Structures are given as C-alpha cells and as structure tokens.
C-alpha cells in the first residue's frame, strides 16, 4: 500500500470525522484513538467540508451580505526559540553520547527545523494559503447572490468587499489569499484590504498578560489532576539512553511539551519541508509525532483542552468573564458594520451612488475567535463544565480553533419583509439561543434562520452586561 502523504492524510481523516459528527458532538477516548491528529489542538489542519447541504432559506429570501471572522491558516510554530531549544538540548546530549538511534534521528529533524522553520516562525504556509482560498471559493459558490453585480436604473454596480487583518503577517497573507480567490471568481469585485494598529482593537484585542488564573484554586485543583496524567518519561527514554543524564540536564516537562507542539504542527507544513526532514532524518516526517503513544497524546490534549476552555471559555471554575470580554469589541464591530451594510442596501439614494457592501471580512487569531464564539453562545463553545476530566465530552478546542477556523454570518432579504441572518461556524449551520420577538409568531423563521432585529438586540444587550 502506498504511504499516504503526512499532511494530506491528516486532512482527509479530519474532514471525515467533522462531517460525520455535529459541531458540538461529544468525543470519546475511542474516537480520539481513531483520530489522534485531533490531539494537536489548534494545530489541526482546517476540516474542509464537502457536500454539505444547507437549510433552504424561507420563500423569497436571498443572501445579500456576509460578515466574517477567520483565524489565519496553518503556520510555522510561533516560537523560533523553541525550535532552537529542542535542537540544542539534543545536540548537547549527542556530544555526551546520551542519544539513542531515535534520538539521533530527532537531532537531524530538529536541525532542519532550526535551519528552515525557525527563520519563518509564525509565518503562513502554503497549506494555510490553500485553506483560505478554499473557504473563499465555497463562500462565493454557496452564496453567489452576495457577490453578483447590482442592477440599479439599468446600471451595473460591482459589489464591494471590506477586509481587515491583524498586523501579523500570517493574517495579512491569509486575507490576501481569500480576496485573491474571490477576485478570481469575479475580477470586477472592488476590495479594500486594511491592516494597522488602530484596527487591532476589534481584530485582536486579547492581552495574554492580563489573564492569570494560576491562583484560582477551583481551576488549578482540577487542572492539576489532568497534568498529573502527562508523564514524559516513556517518551524521553526513546530519545535518551541515560535517564539520570536527563534528570540532571533536561527540563523534562518543557522538552516534552515543546516537542509535542512542534511535532503536531507538522501537519500544516508544506511538502518540501517534510521531504527535507525525511531525507535528513532517514525516516518519514510523521515518525516524530508518532513517538508519542496514543495514550500520551490524549492525556496531554485533555490538559491543553482544559487550559483553553478555562482561559477564554465559559468555565464556571473561573467564574468571571475576563477572557470573553476581550471579544466584545469584535462583536460590537460585527453589529455596527452589519447595520451599515443593511442601511446602504435599503436606502435608494445610497444605492444609486455607492457600491453595495457584499462582505466584511476579518482575519485574526484563535485568541479572539474562541472567546467570540463563546460570547455569542454558539453550541460549539457554550458548554458549562466543572469536572475538567469530563470536559472533552462536551467541549473540544480542535472543533473551535483549528487552523483557518471561521465564523460567517449570512444575511438574507426579501421585499417588505424583515432581514434574516444565519450563522455558520467552520461552514456548518448553528442554532442560537435567541427568541423571536415578532408580534405575529407566524412570521418567525425556523432555525438556523433568525430575524436580524432579534439577533442584534440579543447581542447588544449582552454587550452592555
């Protein structure tokens, strides 16, 4: 049997699982064992959907505007220093003749990463570029009316797309890839690409330095239980031939965790780098993530999953909304720009003089998208779990923040009828905890469609709390 390409193989498995399960489905240890790539947390390659059938819009309604927030696509590991740390630790052990044969292969592997990956720390890969091109392509094809020319008084007016990106290079390149694909499908689309420090207040307001839950005992007691299940010894014995040397010279937990993150990030790397690793180490690139047993992967992921949940999620153990509050400026921007697009669309005078706003696109980070999805009370991110050992049964970081994760709000209109909206998360329709306030309940649409007035009022009230 021909060996499956490393990155492509993980991609196919991820796609199949996500299509087979609802976006907020439970996940068991047995399922994680079948799909160990999910234990990579936010490094999971985007689970591209295929053959999804969306719920038909109510009679007479057509889409006219999309509001979007997307995480950048697959990237190199964020820290060049961690690439270097792994290499230098192994090189020091090699000089002391303390490496096994696998350890020597790992040394060659980390040398390639120091030379080729560390200089590009945090940069988008071509795998990441393709993810955003794919999302843009499906957006255009699934909601084609949004990007068609308007005909006003016999004159065609080309739609306008406004795009914002974090000042991070990987987000700017993600934006360029997305817009490039939209324009390949309609070259006449007018696009504005925006990035700058002044826009970070709603693109990426999260401040890592302002969250410290290390002294919240209700959280640390539960979290510590999970981290105690993470034991690096068996893994380290595969690389080093003298555990006494390791105990005296290696930060065992640090080395283990950095190696795990970098090895799991390989699924988003481009094939030339994977080939270079295989050539230097004399083994396939995926050998290094498979040095971790399935049980080790699952144990570490459960602890990492709980960290994300507690840092920026709806954890009752923290009992304060600090993490979610960082997403409020983003949600406020979403409401304001949607109202602008709707006002332009419904004003005859404005329509005659200004291009319609077809879409507002935002390209940022997991640290904004995760709390945004929780703040908006989407099913994928709204679990309330106090027993972190059971968190994975209701809340999974890999479903919320894989590479290129995205939120799409699709707006629909019909003559003399209320504006409707539906929300997609990673291109899958969502239900919302929002009640229809129409006086005539026969005018209430069925989920996943909601009246925009109800959605806007619900989130506006939430922002005031």
Protein backbone atom coordinates (compact mmCIF):
# COMPACT_ATOMS: atom_id res chain seq x y z
CA UNK A 1 0.00 0.00 0.00
CA UNK A 2 1.35 3.39 -0.95
CA UNK A 3 2.20 5.55 2.08
CA UNK A 4 -0.22 8.42 2.48
CA UNK A 5 1.23 11.92 2.38
CA UNK A 6 1.53 13.12 6.01
CA UNK A 7 -0.33 16.42 5.76
CA UNK A 8 -2.90 15.11 3.28
CA UNK A 9 -3.57 12.03 5.36
CA UNK A 10 -4.41 14.02 8.47
CA UNK A 11 -6.55 16.35 6.39
CA UNK A 12 -8.65 13.51 4.99
CA UNK A 13 -9.17 11.95 8.42
CA UNK A 14 -10.13 15.27 9.95
CA UNK A 15 -12.61 16.01 7.19
CA UNK A 16 -14.31 12.67 7.53
CA UNK A 17 -14.75 12.96 11.28
CA UNK A 18 -16.07 16.51 11.21
CA UNK A 19 -18.60 15.66 8.53
CA UNK A 20 -19.76 12.61 10.44
CA UNK A 21 -20.31 14.44 13.75
CA UNK A 22 -22.24 17.57 14.71
CA UNK A 23 -20.02 20.52 15.51
CA UNK A 24 -20.78 20.27 19.25
CA UNK A 25 -20.75 16.46 19.47
CA UNK A 26 -19.13 14.60 22.32
CA UNK A 27 -15.78 12.95 21.73
CA UNK A 28 -14.70 9.75 23.45
CA UNK A 29 -11.27 8.30 24.11
CA UNK A 30 -12.07 5.66 21.49
CA UNK A 31 -12.77 8.31 18.87
CA UNK A 32 -9.63 10.21 19.80
CA UNK A 33 -7.66 7.00 19.40
CA UNK A 34 -9.03 6.66 15.86
CA UNK A 35 -8.23 10.32 15.12
CA UNK A 36 -5.10 11.17 17.15
CA UNK A 37 -4.50 14.18 14.91
CA UNK A 38 -7.23 15.98 16.87
CA UNK A 39 -4.98 16.00 19.92
CA UNK A 40 -2.92 18.66 18.15
CA UNK A 41 -5.48 21.18 19.42
CA UNK A 42 -5.25 24.43 17.45
CA UNK A 43 -2.66 22.99 15.05
CA UNK A 44 -5.29 20.78 13.40
CA UNK A 45 -5.47 21.49 9.68
CA UNK A 46 -8.78 23.01 8.65
CA UNK A 47 -11.51 20.32 8.39
CA UNK A 48 -12.71 21.28 4.93
CA UNK A 49 -16.39 20.36 4.49
CA UNK A 50 -17.65 18.53 1.42
CA UNK A 51 -21.17 18.06 0.03
CA UNK A 52 -22.83 19.97 2.86
CA UNK A 53 -26.49 20.72 2.20
CA UNK A 54 -27.61 23.98 3.77
CA UNK A 55 -31.14 24.59 5.01
CA UNK A 56 -33.17 26.31 2.31
CA UNK A 57 -33.95 29.97 3.02
CA UNK A 58 -37.58 30.97 3.54
CA UNK A 59 -39.50 31.64 0.33
CA UNK A 60 -38.49 34.85 -1.41
CA UNK A 61 -35.28 35.39 0.58
CA UNK A 62 -31.83 35.74 -0.98
CA UNK A 63 -28.44 36.37 0.65
CA UNK A 64 -27.02 39.87 0.20
CA UNK A 65 -24.29 40.38 2.84
CA UNK A 66 -21.78 38.28 4.79
CA UNK A 67 -19.95 39.21 7.98
CA UNK A 68 -16.94 37.01 8.71
CA UNK A 69 -14.15 36.46 11.23
CA UNK A 70 -11.46 33.93 10.36
CA UNK A 71 -8.36 32.66 12.05
CA UNK A 72 -5.20 32.64 9.92
CA UNK A 73 -4.41 29.36 8.19
CA UNK A 74 -1.76 26.77 9.03
CA UNK A 75 1.55 28.30 10.08
CA UNK A 76 5.02 27.54 11.32
CA UNK A 77 5.34 27.20 15.09
CA UNK A 78 5.07 30.59 16.76
CA UNK A 79 8.44 30.45 18.52
CA UNK A 80 11.78 30.16 16.77
CA UNK A 81 13.42 29.83 20.18
CA UNK A 82 11.56 26.58 20.84
CA UNK A 83 12.88 25.04 17.60
CA UNK A 84 16.36 26.03 18.74
CA UNK A 85 15.81 24.76 22.27
CA UNK A 86 14.94 21.26 21.06
CA UNK A 87 17.95 21.12 18.75
CA UNK A 88 20.43 22.43 21.33
CA UNK A 89 19.14 20.04 24.01
CA UNK A 90 19.56 17.06 21.69
CA UNK A 91 22.92 18.29 20.37
CA UNK A 92 24.29 18.62 23.91
CA UNK A 93 23.14 15.09 24.72
CA UNK A 94 24.65 13.79 21.49
CA UNK A 95 28.03 15.27 22.36
CA UNK A 96 27.80 13.38 25.65
CA UNK A 97 26.82 10.20 23.76
CA UNK A 98 23.45 10.12 25.51
CA UNK A 99 21.17 9.74 22.48
CA UNK A 100 19.52 6.59 21.20
CA UNK A 101 19.25 5.93 17.48
CA UNK A 102 15.81 7.57 17.54
CA UNK A 103 17.38 10.46 19.42
CA UNK A 104 19.94 10.93 16.65
CA UNK A 105 17.13 10.96 14.08
CA UNK A 106 15.32 13.53 16.19
CA UNK A 107 18.50 15.61 16.26
CA UNK A 108 18.62 15.62 12.46
CA UNK A 109 14.91 16.50 12.39
CA UNK A 110 15.32 19.46 14.73
CA UNK A 111 18.38 20.67 12.79
CA UNK A 112 16.24 21.01 9.66
CA UNK A 113 13.64 22.90 11.68
CA UNK A 114 16.27 25.29 13.08
CA UNK A 115 17.60 25.98 9.59
CA UNK A 116 14.33 26.12 7.65
CA UNK A 117 11.43 26.67 10.03
CA UNK A 118 12.80 28.87 12.82
CA UNK A 119 13.54 31.81 10.46
CA UNK A 120 9.87 31.66 9.44
CA UNK A 121 8.39 31.38 12.92
CA UNK A 122 4.68 32.16 12.82
CA UNK A 123 4.56 32.59 9.04
CA UNK A 124 1.69 31.20 6.99
CA UNK A 125 2.46 28.06 4.99
CA UNK A 126 1.12 27.33 1.53
CA UNK A 127 -1.16 24.81 3.21
CA UNK A 128 -2.61 27.79 5.08
CA UNK A 129 -2.95 29.77 1.85
CA UNK A 130 -4.94 26.94 0.27
CA UNK A 131 -7.24 26.75 3.30
CA UNK A 132 -8.36 30.35 2.85
CA UNK A 133 -8.67 30.01 -0.89
CA UNK A 134 -10.96 27.03 -0.34
CA UNK A 135 -13.15 28.83 2.19
CA UNK A 136 -13.47 31.85 -0.11
CA UNK A 137 -14.31 29.62 -3.07
CA UNK A 138 -17.10 27.86 -1.19
CA UNK A 139 -18.42 31.13 0.24
CA UNK A 140 -18.72 32.56 -3.25
CA UNK A 141 -20.35 29.46 -4.68
CA UNK A 142 -22.71 28.81 -1.76
CA UNK A 143 -23.87 32.42 -1.52
CA UNK A 144 -23.35 33.60 -5.07
CA UNK A 145 -26.05 36.29 -4.94
CA UNK A 146 -23.91 38.23 -2.46
CA UNK A 147 -21.13 38.78 -4.97
CA UNK A 148 -23.21 39.48 -8.09
CA UNK A 149 -23.40 42.93 -9.68
CA UNK A 150 -26.34 45.10 -8.72
CA UNK A 151 -28.57 46.47 -11.45
CA UNK A 152 -29.79 49.94 -10.47
CA UNK A 153 -31.58 52.02 -13.05
CA UNK A 154 -30.08 49.93 -15.83
CA UNK A 155 -26.58 50.47 -14.47
CA UNK A 156 -24.46 47.62 -13.12
CA UNK A 157 -22.74 48.32 -9.82
CA UNK A 158 -19.98 45.96 -8.68
CA UNK A 159 -20.13 44.81 -5.04
CA UNK A 160 -17.54 45.95 -2.54
CA UNK A 161 -15.67 43.77 -0.04
CA UNK A 162 -14.08 45.32 3.03
CA UNK A 163 -11.30 43.26 4.65
CA UNK A 164 -9.41 43.77 7.89
CA UNK A 165 -6.36 41.84 9.05
CA UNK A 166 -4.31 41.70 12.21
CA UNK A 167 -0.89 43.28 11.83
CA UNK A 168 0.55 39.75 11.98
CA UNK A 169 1.99 38.72 8.61
CA UNK A 170 0.18 35.35 8.62
CA UNK A 171 -3.16 37.16 8.92
CA UNK A 172 -2.32 39.62 6.15
CA UNK A 173 -1.33 36.78 3.81
CA UNK A 174 -4.50 34.89 4.77
CA UNK A 175 -6.53 37.96 3.81
CA UNK A 176 -4.70 38.28 0.50
CA UNK A 177 -5.31 34.61 -0.32
CA UNK A 178 -9.01 34.92 0.50
CA UNK A 179 -9.55 38.10 -1.53
CA UNK A 180 -7.45 36.74 -4.37
CA UNK A 181 -9.76 33.74 -4.67
CA UNK A 182 -12.90 35.91 -4.58
CA UNK A 183 -11.50 38.10 -7.35
CA UNK A 184 -10.52 35.09 -9.42
CA UNK A 185 -14.22 34.20 -9.44
CA UNK A 186 -15.37 37.79 -10.07
CA UNK A 187 -12.49 40.02 -11.20
CA UNK A 188 -14.69 43.09 -11.01
CA UNK A 189 -15.15 42.89 -7.24
CA UNK A 190 -13.85 46.02 -5.57
CA UNK A 191 -11.87 45.10 -2.47
CA UNK A 192 -10.29 47.15 0.27
CA UNK A 193 -7.53 45.47 2.27
CA UNK A 194 -6.95 47.09 5.65
CA UNK A 195 -4.39 46.41 8.38
CA UNK A 196 -2.94 48.62 11.06
CA UNK A 197 -2.52 49.03 14.79
CA UNK A 198 -5.66 51.13 15.14
CA UNK A 199 -7.79 48.21 13.92
CA UNK A 200 -6.38 45.73 16.41
CA UNK A 201 -8.90 46.93 18.99
CA UNK A 202 -11.54 44.77 17.29
CA UNK A 203 -9.43 42.35 15.26
CA UNK A 204 -7.27 41.15 18.14
CA UNK A 205 -7.97 42.81 21.48
CA UNK A 206 -6.78 39.86 23.55
CA UNK A 207 -3.97 40.59 26.01
CA UNK A 208 -2.19 37.49 27.32
CA UNK A 209 -0.64 39.50 30.13
CA UNK A 210 -3.99 40.41 31.69
CA UNK A 211 -5.19 36.86 32.38
CA UNK A 212 -3.62 34.91 35.21
CA UNK A 213 -5.70 32.08 36.61
CA UNK A 214 -2.75 30.40 38.32
CA UNK A 215 -4.14 31.36 41.73
CA UNK A 216 -7.77 30.45 41.06
CA UNK A 217 -7.89 27.34 43.22
CA UNK A 218 -11.15 25.96 41.83
CA UNK A 219 -9.43 25.86 38.44
CA UNK A 220 -5.91 24.79 39.43
CA UNK A 221 -7.17 21.89 41.54
CA UNK A 222 -8.97 20.43 38.52
CA UNK A 223 -6.30 21.34 36.00
CA UNK A 224 -3.50 19.82 38.09
CA UNK A 225 -5.31 16.48 38.04
CA UNK A 226 -5.11 16.43 34.25
CA UNK A 227 -1.47 17.48 34.03
CA UNK A 228 -0.53 14.75 36.51
CA UNK A 229 -1.62 12.27 33.84
CA UNK A 230 1.02 13.68 31.48
CA UNK A 231 4.20 11.66 32.06
CA UNK A 232 7.18 12.39 29.77
CA UNK A 233 9.38 9.53 30.95
CA UNK A 234 8.43 6.87 28.40
CA UNK A 235 8.81 9.35 25.54
CA UNK A 236 12.18 10.63 26.75
CA UNK A 237 13.52 7.10 27.11
CA UNK A 238 13.02 6.69 23.36
CA UNK A 239 15.42 9.57 22.68
CA UNK A 240 17.94 9.43 25.53
CA UNK A 241 19.90 6.36 26.68
CA UNK A 242 20.62 7.62 30.21
CA UNK A 243 17.68 8.82 32.26
CA UNK A 244 19.96 10.07 35.04
CA UNK A 245 21.53 12.38 32.48
CA UNK A 246 18.06 13.56 31.50
CA UNK A 247 17.08 14.23 35.10
CA UNK A 248 20.19 16.38 35.62
CA UNK A 249 20.33 18.16 32.28
CA UNK A 250 16.88 18.35 30.67
CA UNK A 251 13.75 20.25 31.63
CA UNK A 252 11.65 17.14 31.11
CA UNK A 253 8.23 18.78 31.06
CA UNK A 254 9.38 21.69 28.92
CA UNK A 255 11.16 19.49 26.39
CA UNK A 256 8.20 17.10 26.21
CA UNK A 257 5.63 19.84 25.66
CA UNK A 258 7.68 21.81 23.13
CA UNK A 259 8.47 18.65 21.17
CA UNK A 260 4.79 17.69 21.15
CA UNK A 261 3.60 21.07 19.87
CA UNK A 262 6.22 21.28 17.14
CA UNK A 263 5.71 17.67 16.04
CA UNK A 264 1.93 18.10 15.82
CA UNK A 265 2.38 21.34 13.87
CA UNK A 266 3.99 19.41 11.01
CA UNK A 267 0.56 18.55 9.60
CA UNK A 268 0.29 22.15 8.41
CA UNK A 269 3.75 22.31 6.83
CA UNK A 270 4.46 22.29 3.12
CA UNK A 271 5.70 19.15 1.41
CA UNK A 272 9.24 20.41 0.60
CA UNK A 273 9.96 20.85 4.32
CA UNK A 274 8.52 17.42 5.15
CA UNK A 275 10.65 15.88 2.40
CA UNK A 276 13.78 17.62 3.69
CA UNK A 277 13.10 16.29 7.19
CA UNK A 278 12.65 12.76 5.84
CA UNK A 279 15.88 12.99 3.87
CA UNK A 280 17.92 14.32 6.82
CA UNK A 281 16.46 12.03 9.49
CA UNK A 282 16.24 8.98 7.22
CA UNK A 283 12.64 8.39 8.35
CA UNK A 284 9.27 9.89 7.30
CA UNK A 285 8.42 13.24 8.88
CA UNK A 286 5.42 11.84 10.74
CA UNK A 287 7.74 9.49 12.65
CA UNK A 288 8.30 12.22 15.22
CA UNK A 289 4.68 12.85 16.16
CA UNK A 290 4.23 9.09 16.36
CA UNK A 291 6.96 8.83 19.01
CA UNK A 292 4.11 9.78 21.34
CA UNK A 293 1.75 6.92 22.09
CA UNK A 294 -1.96 7.39 21.54
CA UNK A 295 -2.48 7.44 25.29
CA UNK A 296 0.17 10.13 25.72
CA UNK A 297 -1.41 12.26 23.01
CA UNK A 298 -4.86 12.00 24.56
CA UNK A 299 -3.65 12.74 28.10
CA UNK A 300 -1.77 15.84 27.04
CA UNK A 301 -4.62 17.06 24.84
CA UNK A 302 -7.13 16.81 27.69
CA UNK A 303 -4.93 19.06 29.83
CA UNK A 304 -4.40 21.50 26.95
CA UNK A 305 -8.10 21.48 26.09
CA UNK A 306 -8.95 22.40 29.69
CA UNK A 307 -6.41 25.24 29.57
CA UNK A 308 -8.04 26.84 26.52
CA UNK A 309 -11.51 26.34 27.99
CA UNK A 310 -10.59 27.94 31.28
CA UNK A 311 -8.57 30.77 29.79
CA UNK A 312 -11.11 32.03 27.24
CA UNK A 313 -14.20 29.86 27.51
CA UNK A 314 -17.31 29.59 29.63
CA UNK A 315 -15.71 27.75 32.56
CA UNK A 316 -17.71 28.01 35.81
CA UNK A 317 -14.48 27.28 37.70
CA UNK A 318 -13.14 30.73 36.82
CA UNK A 319 -16.48 32.45 37.45
CA UNK A 320 -15.59 35.70 35.76
CA UNK A 321 -15.84 36.79 32.12
CA UNK A 322 -12.33 38.24 31.66
CA UNK A 323 -11.49 36.09 28.62
CA UNK A 324 -14.87 36.59 26.94
CA UNK A 325 -14.69 40.35 27.46
CA UNK A 326 -11.77 40.57 25.03
CA UNK A 327 -14.18 39.56 22.24
CA UNK A 328 -16.70 42.30 22.94
CA UNK A 329 -15.07 44.89 20.63
CA UNK A 330 -15.15 42.32 17.82
CA UNK A 331 -18.84 41.59 18.34
CA UNK A 332 -19.55 45.32 18.52
CA UNK A 333 -17.80 45.82 15.20
CA UNK A 334 -19.80 42.98 13.66
CA UNK A 335 -23.09 44.61 14.72
CA UNK A 336 -22.07 48.08 13.56
CA UNK A 337 -20.80 47.02 10.15
CA UNK A 338 -23.84 44.83 9.54
CA UNK A 339 -26.11 47.77 10.26
CA UNK A 340 -24.06 49.89 7.85
CA UNK A 341 -24.37 47.30 5.09
CA UNK A 342 -28.12 46.93 5.67
CA UNK A 343 -28.68 50.69 5.72
CA UNK A 344 -26.81 51.06 2.44
CA UNK A 345 -28.76 48.22 0.88
CA UNK A 346 -32.17 49.62 1.88
CA UNK A 347 -31.51 53.29 1.07
CA UNK A 348 -32.48 54.09 -2.51
CA UNK A 349 -30.32 57.23 -2.57
CA UNK A 350 -27.26 55.43 -1.21
CA UNK A 351 -27.69 52.52 -3.60
CA UNK A 352 -27.64 54.86 -6.56
CA UNK A 353 -24.32 56.41 -5.63
CA UNK A 354 -22.32 53.83 -3.64
CA UNK A 355 -21.31 50.24 -4.23
CA UNK A 356 -23.11 47.73 -2.01
CA UNK A 357 -21.11 46.14 0.78
CA UNK A 358 -21.13 42.47 -0.13
CA UNK A 359 -18.97 41.30 2.76
CA UNK A 360 -16.94 42.41 5.74
CA UNK A 361 -14.04 40.03 6.28
CA UNK A 362 -11.78 39.93 9.33
CA UNK A 363 -8.59 37.88 9.67
CA UNK A 364 -7.17 37.36 13.12
CA UNK A 365 -6.30 34.81 15.75
CA UNK A 366 -7.58 31.91 17.85
CA UNK A 367 -7.37 34.10 20.97
CA UNK A 368 -10.17 36.28 19.54
CA UNK A 369 -12.26 33.71 17.69
CA UNK A 370 -12.55 31.31 20.64
CA UNK A 371 -13.98 33.85 23.11
CA UNK A 372 -16.11 35.36 20.34
CA UNK A 373 -17.81 32.02 19.70
CA UNK A 374 -18.35 31.62 23.45
CA UNK A 375 -19.60 35.17 23.88
CA UNK A 376 -22.10 34.62 21.06
CA UNK A 377 -23.28 31.43 22.83
CA UNK A 378 -22.74 29.19 19.82
CA UNK A 379 -23.30 25.48 20.56
CA UNK A 380 -19.71 24.66 19.65
CA UNK A 381 -18.36 26.78 22.51
CA UNK A 382 -21.08 27.25 25.12
CA UNK A 383 -20.62 24.26 27.46
CA UNK A 384 -20.57 24.73 31.24
CA UNK A 385 -18.40 22.00 32.79
CA UNK A 386 -16.86 21.96 36.28
CA UNK A 387 -15.32 18.48 36.14
CA UNK A 388 -12.45 19.04 33.71
CA UNK A 389 -11.86 15.30 33.41
CA UNK A 390 -15.17 15.17 31.52
CA UNK A 391 -14.73 18.41 29.59
CA UNK A 392 -13.82 16.60 26.35
CA UNK A 393 -17.29 15.07 26.32
CA UNK A 394 -18.82 18.50 25.68
CA UNK A 395 -16.12 20.97 24.60
CA UNK A 396 -13.26 20.40 22.14
CA UNK A 397 -10.70 23.06 21.22
CA UNK A 398 -9.95 21.34 17.89
CA UNK A 399 -13.57 21.94 16.80
CA UNK A 400 -13.39 25.63 17.72
CA UNK A 401 -9.91 26.80 16.71
CA UNK A 402 -8.40 24.56 14.05
CA UNK A 403 -6.22 26.47 11.61
CA UNK A 404 -8.39 28.76 9.42
CA UNK A 405 -11.40 28.37 11.75
CA UNK A 406 -14.10 30.84 10.82
CA UNK A 407 -17.41 32.42 11.73
CA UNK A 408 -19.76 33.51 8.93
CA UNK A 409 -22.98 35.46 9.39
CA UNK A 410 -25.04 35.35 6.21
CA UNK A 411 -27.76 37.99 5.83
CA UNK A 412 -30.90 37.49 3.74
CA UNK A 413 -33.52 39.90 2.44
CA UNK A 414 -36.95 39.75 0.81
CA UNK A 415 -39.09 42.65 -0.34
CA UNK A 416 -41.10 44.21 2.50
CA UNK A 417 -40.00 41.50 4.94
CA UNK A 418 -37.59 41.53 7.92
CA UNK A 419 -33.88 40.94 7.36
CA UNK A 420 -32.87 37.39 8.35
CA UNK A 421 -29.47 36.03 9.33
CA UNK A 422 -27.94 32.61 9.85
CA UNK A 423 -24.58 31.75 11.40
CA UNK A 424 -22.08 29.22 10.12
CA UNK A 425 -19.16 28.04 12.23
CA UNK A 426 -16.46 26.34 10.21
CA UNK A 427 -19.09 26.40 7.46
CA UNK A 428 -21.62 24.41 9.50
CA UNK A 429 -25.02 25.92 10.37
CA UNK A 430 -25.55 26.88 14.02
CA UNK A 431 -28.58 27.24 16.27
CA UNK A 432 -28.80 30.27 18.55
CA UNK A 433 -30.42 30.77 21.98
CA UNK A 434 -32.39 33.71 20.59
CA UNK A 435 -36.17 34.06 20.86
CA UNK A 436 -38.21 35.54 18.03
CA UNK A 437 -39.89 38.73 19.24
CA UNK A 438 -42.28 39.15 16.32
CA UNK A 439 -45.79 40.11 17.41
CA UNK A 440 -47.14 37.65 14.86
CA UNK A 441 -45.36 34.37 15.65
CA UNK A 442 -46.23 33.04 12.21
CA UNK A 443 -43.57 35.49 10.97
CA UNK A 444 -40.84 33.74 12.96
CA UNK A 445 -38.44 31.78 10.75
CA UNK A 446 -37.23 28.30 11.65
CA UNK A 447 -33.63 27.77 12.74
CA UNK A 448 -30.96 28.26 11.51
CA UNK A 449 -32.61 31.48 10.26
CA UNK A 450 -33.27 34.31 12.72
CA UNK A 451 -34.64 37.83 12.42
CA UNK A 452 -31.75 40.28 12.43
CA UNK A 453 -33.59 42.61 14.81
CA UNK A 454 -33.79 39.78 17.36
CA UNK A 455 -30.13 38.84 16.89
CA UNK A 456 -28.90 42.43 17.10
CA UNK A 457 -30.98 43.17 20.19
CA UNK A 458 -29.84 39.98 21.92
CA UNK A 459 -26.15 40.68 21.34
CA UNK A 460 -26.47 44.41 22.01
CA UNK A 461 -27.96 43.65 25.43
CA UNK A 462 -25.22 41.12 26.07
CA UNK A 463 -22.54 43.72 25.29
CA UNK A 464 -23.97 46.08 27.91
CA UNK A 465 -23.62 43.50 30.70
